[in-house]
Amino acid sequence: MTATKAGDSETVLGLMTDDVVFLVSGQEPFGKSAFAEASEAQSNASLEFDGESEILEIKVLGHWAYTLTKLRVAATQLGKEPVVRSGHTLTILRKDAGKWKIARDANLLVPVSASENGA
């Protein structure tokens, strides 16, 4: 979350395995290169991110682990209202060269209405 808020794509990409797969509603599964391209496009669009996460469950199974997280993120483009999404994620991590990295991520975030967002 800290690296995302700071726009530090290099750090975010370093938290992923090379064969990472992301599952997002309404899209085909995608990997690290597509994530990097989207991050670059967001950076070029001057998007700012904010958010909060709460880990609800974490389980370590040898060199694998998973987390169930409640997540709320807001993306704001200069001069526009924030786009807020909220929901849960299920993330599978794998130990890679001694470091935990994201191997799979299922993101179930949905748009939050203006009334739910306090606007």
C-alpha atoms as a PDB file:
ATOM      1  CA  MET A   1       0.000   0.000   0.000  1.00  0.00           C
ATOM      2  CA  THR A   2       2.838   2.392   0.864  1.00  0.00           C
ATOM      3  CA  ALA A   3       4.595   1.844  -2.475  1.00  0.00           C
ATOM      4  CA  THR A   4       1.330   2.158  -4.405  1.00  0.00           C
ATOM      5  CA  LYS A   5       0.455   5.447  -2.670  1.00  0.00           C
ATOM      6  CA  ALA A   6       3.950   6.738  -3.455  1.00  0.00           C
ATOM      7  CA  GLY A   7       3.658   5.732  -7.128  1.00  0.00           C
ATOM      8  CA  ASP A   8       6.684   3.437  -6.703  1.00  0.00           C
ATOM      9  CA  SER A   9       5.914   0.907  -9.427  1.00  0.00           C
ATOM     10  CA  GLU A  10       9.379  -0.652  -9.243  1.00  0.00           C
ATOM     11  CA  THR A  11       8.847  -1.658  -5.608  1.00  0.00           C
ATOM     12  CA  VAL A  12       5.324  -2.918  -6.316  1.00  0.00           C
ATOM     13  CA  LEU A  13       6.560  -5.052  -9.225  1.00  0.00           C
ATOM     14  CA  GLY A  14       9.343  -6.412  -7.005  1.00  0.00           C
ATOM     15  CA  LEU A  15       6.684  -7.824  -4.668  1.00  0.00           C
ATOM     16  CA  MET A  16       5.428 -10.149  -7.440  1.00  0.00           C
ATOM     17  CA  THR A  17       6.688 -13.437  -8.824  1.00  0.00           C
ATOM     18  CA  ASP A  18       7.520 -13.369 -12.523  1.00  0.00           C
ATOM     19  CA  ASP A  19       4.578 -15.735 -13.177  1.00  0.00           C
ATOM     20  CA  VAL A  20       2.034 -13.791 -11.078  1.00  0.00           C
ATOM     21  CA  VAL A  21      -1.605 -13.947 -12.213  1.00  0.00           C
ATOM     22  CA  PHE A  22      -4.246 -11.369 -11.319  1.00  0.00           C
ATOM     23  CA  LEU A  23      -7.958 -12.097 -11.411  1.00  0.00           C
ATOM     24  CA  VAL A  24     -10.199  -9.040 -11.663  1.00  0.00           C
ATOM     25  CA  SER A  25     -13.930  -9.128 -12.315  1.00  0.00           C
ATOM     26  CA  GLY A  26     -14.832  -8.347 -15.920  1.00  0.00           C
ATOM     27  CA  GLN A  27     -11.299  -8.914 -17.258  1.00  0.00           C
ATOM     28  CA  GLU A  28      -9.273 -11.834 -18.504  1.00  0.00           C
ATOM     29  CA  PRO A  29      -6.539 -12.967 -16.107  1.00  0.00           C
ATOM     30  CA  PHE A  30      -3.334 -10.976 -16.587  1.00  0.00           C
ATOM     31  CA  GLY A  31       0.280 -11.095 -15.495  1.00  0.00           C
ATOM     32  CA  LYS A  32       3.172  -8.944 -14.435  1.00  0.00           C
ATOM     33  CA  SER A  33       3.838  -7.265 -17.799  1.00  0.00           C
ATOM     34  CA  ALA A  34       0.197  -6.171 -18.154  1.00  0.00           C
ATOM     35  CA  PHE A  35       0.263  -4.915 -14.556  1.00  0.00           C
ATOM     36  CA  ALA A  36       3.423  -2.920 -15.350  1.00  0.00           C
ATOM     37  CA  GLU A  37       1.815  -1.418 -18.477  1.00  0.00           C
ATOM     38  CA  ALA A  38      -1.294  -0.411 -16.513  1.00  0.00           C
ATOM     39  CA  SER A  39       0.884   1.121 -13.786  1.00  0.00           C
ATOM     40  CA  GLU A  40       2.759   3.158 -16.384  1.00  0.00           C
ATOM     41  CA  ALA A  41      -0.497   4.357 -17.957  1.00  0.00           C
ATOM     42  CA  GLN A  42      -1.838   5.355 -14.539  1.00  0.00           C
ATOM     43  CA  SER A  43       1.368   7.230 -13.784  1.00  0.00           C
ATOM     44  CA  ASN A  44       1.106   9.082 -17.103  1.00  0.00           C
ATOM     45  CA  ALA A  45      -2.521   9.970 -16.292  1.00  0.00           C
ATOM     46  CA  SER A  46      -1.370  11.555 -13.016  1.00  0.00           C
ATOM     47  CA  LEU A  47      -3.555   9.281 -10.909  1.00  0.00           C
ATOM     48  CA  GLU A  48      -3.104   9.405  -7.164  1.00  0.00           C
ATOM     49  CA  PHE A  49      -3.978   6.409  -5.022  1.00  0.00           C
ATOM     50  CA  ASP A  50      -5.051   6.184  -1.425  1.00  0.00           C
ATOM     51  CA  GLY A  51      -6.486   3.283   0.479  1.00  0.00           C
ATOM     52  CA  GLU A  52      -6.637   1.114   3.489  1.00  0.00           C
ATOM     53  CA  SER A  53      -6.416  -2.594   4.005  1.00  0.00           C
ATOM     54  CA  GLU A  54      -7.221  -4.950   6.812  1.00  0.00           C
ATOM     55  CA  ILE A  55      -5.846  -8.481   6.810  1.00  0.00           C
ATOM     56  CA  LEU A  56      -8.696 -10.716   7.981  1.00  0.00           C
ATOM     57  CA  GLU A  57      -6.848 -14.003   7.740  1.00  0.00           C
ATOM     58  CA  ILE A  58      -3.352 -15.210   6.988  1.00  0.00           C
ATOM     59  CA  LYS A  59      -2.124 -18.786   6.766  1.00  0.00           C
ATOM     60  CA  VAL A  60       1.414 -19.992   6.069  1.00  0.00           C
ATOM     61  CA  LEU A  61       1.874 -23.456   4.561  1.00  0.00           C
ATOM     62  CA  GLY A  62       5.590 -24.055   4.065  1.00  0.00           C
ATOM     63  CA  HIS A  63       6.743 -21.966   1.083  1.00  0.00           C
ATOM     64  CA  TRP A  64       3.178 -20.873   0.336  1.00  0.00           C
ATOM     65  CA  ALA A  65       0.800 -18.562   2.179  1.00  0.00           C
ATOM     66  CA  TYR A  66      -2.528 -16.896   1.596  1.00  0.00           C
ATOM     67  CA  THR A  67      -4.217 -13.787   2.894  1.00  0.00           C
ATOM     68  CA  LEU A  68      -7.841 -12.724   2.927  1.00  0.00           C
ATOM     69  CA  THR A  69      -7.956  -8.949   3.000  1.00  0.00           C
ATOM     70  CA  LYS A  70     -10.621  -6.261   3.171  1.00  0.00           C
ATOM     71  CA  LEU A  71      -9.541  -3.418   0.901  1.00  0.00           C
ATOM     72  CA  ARG A  72     -10.745   0.064   0.026  1.00  0.00           C
ATOM     73  CA  VAL A  73      -8.921   2.140  -2.582  1.00  0.00           C
ATOM     74  CA  ALA A  74      -9.497   5.559  -4.097  1.00  0.00           C
ATOM     75  CA  ALA A  75      -8.001   6.676  -7.400  1.00  0.00           C
ATOM     76  CA  THR A  76      -8.080  10.409  -8.058  1.00  0.00           C
ATOM     77  CA  GLN A  77      -7.187  12.162 -11.271  1.00  0.00           C
ATOM     78  CA  LEU A  78      -6.408  15.868 -11.034  1.00  0.00           C
ATOM     79  CA  GLY A  79      -9.619  17.930 -11.155  1.00  0.00           C
ATOM     80  CA  LYS A  80     -11.938  14.922 -10.903  1.00  0.00           C
ATOM     81  CA  GLU A  81     -13.829  13.174  -8.138  1.00  0.00           C
ATOM     82  CA  PRO A  82     -12.140  10.080  -6.680  1.00  0.00           C
ATOM     83  CA  VAL A  83     -13.168   6.658  -7.939  1.00  0.00           C
ATOM     84  CA  VAL A  84     -13.566   4.465  -4.877  1.00  0.00           C
ATOM     85  CA  ARG A  85     -13.653   0.673  -4.923  1.00  0.00           C
ATOM     86  CA  SER A  86     -14.091  -1.619  -1.951  1.00  0.00           C
ATOM     87  CA  GLY A  87     -14.231  -5.342  -1.274  1.00  0.00           C
ATOM     88  CA  HIS A  88     -12.076  -8.335  -0.554  1.00  0.00           C
ATOM     89  CA  THR A  89      -8.992  -9.913  -2.051  1.00  0.00           C
ATOM     90  CA  LEU A  90      -7.590 -13.404  -1.788  1.00  0.00           C
ATOM     91  CA  THR A  91      -3.840 -13.373  -2.318  1.00  0.00           C
ATOM     92  CA  ILE A  92      -1.560 -16.382  -2.645  1.00  0.00           C
ATOM     93  CA  LEU A  93       2.081 -15.753  -1.798  1.00  0.00           C
ATOM     94  CA  ARG A  94       5.112 -17.898  -2.585  1.00  0.00           C
ATOM     95  CA  LYS A  95       8.567 -17.739  -1.047  1.00  0.00           C
ATOM     96  CA  ASP A  96      10.913 -16.775  -3.873  1.00  0.00           C
ATOM     97  CA  ALA A  97      14.648 -16.499  -3.123  1.00  0.00           C
ATOM     98  CA  GLY A  98      13.816 -16.168   0.565  1.00  0.00           C
ATOM     99  CA  LYS A  99      11.219 -13.400   0.103  1.00  0.00           C
ATOM    100  CA  TRP A 100       7.429 -13.614   0.125  1.00  0.00           C
ATOM    101  CA  LYS A 101       6.006 -12.525  -3.224  1.00  0.00           C
ATOM    102  CA  ILE A 102       2.523 -12.378  -4.712  1.00  0.00           C
ATOM    103  CA  ALA A 103       1.910 -15.373  -6.985  1.00  0.00           C
ATOM    104  CA  ARG A 104      -1.877 -15.082  -7.467  1.00  0.00           C
ATOM    105  CA  ASP A 105      -4.341 -12.357  -6.547  1.00  0.00           C
ATOM    106  CA  ALA A 106      -8.119 -12.442  -6.843  1.00  0.00           C
ATOM    107  CA  ASN A 107      -9.476  -8.928  -6.502  1.00  0.00           C
ATOM    108  CA  LEU A 108     -13.211  -8.669  -5.770  1.00  0.00           C
ATOM    109  CA  LEU A 109     -13.432  -4.889  -5.402  1.00  0.00           C
ATOM    110  CA  VAL A 110     -16.562  -3.149  -6.635  1.00  0.00           C
ATOM    111  CA  PRO A 111     -17.310   0.556  -7.135  1.00  0.00           C
ATOM    112  CA  VAL A 112     -18.587   2.389  -4.080  1.00  0.00           C
ATOM    113  CA  SER A 113     -21.503   4.770  -4.672  1.00  0.00           C
ATOM    114  CA  ALA A 114     -21.156   8.463  -3.818  1.00  0.00           C
ATOM    115  CA  SER A 115     -23.535   8.023  -0.868  1.00  0.00           C
ATOM    116  CA  GLU A 116     -21.402   5.173   0.524  1.00  0.00           C
ATOM    117  CA  ASN A 117     -18.286   7.253  -0.036  1.00  0.00           C
ATOM    118  CA  GLY A 118     -19.534  10.168   2.051  1.00  0.00           C
ATOM    119  CA  ALA A 119     -19.835  12.482  -0.964  1.00  0.00           C
END
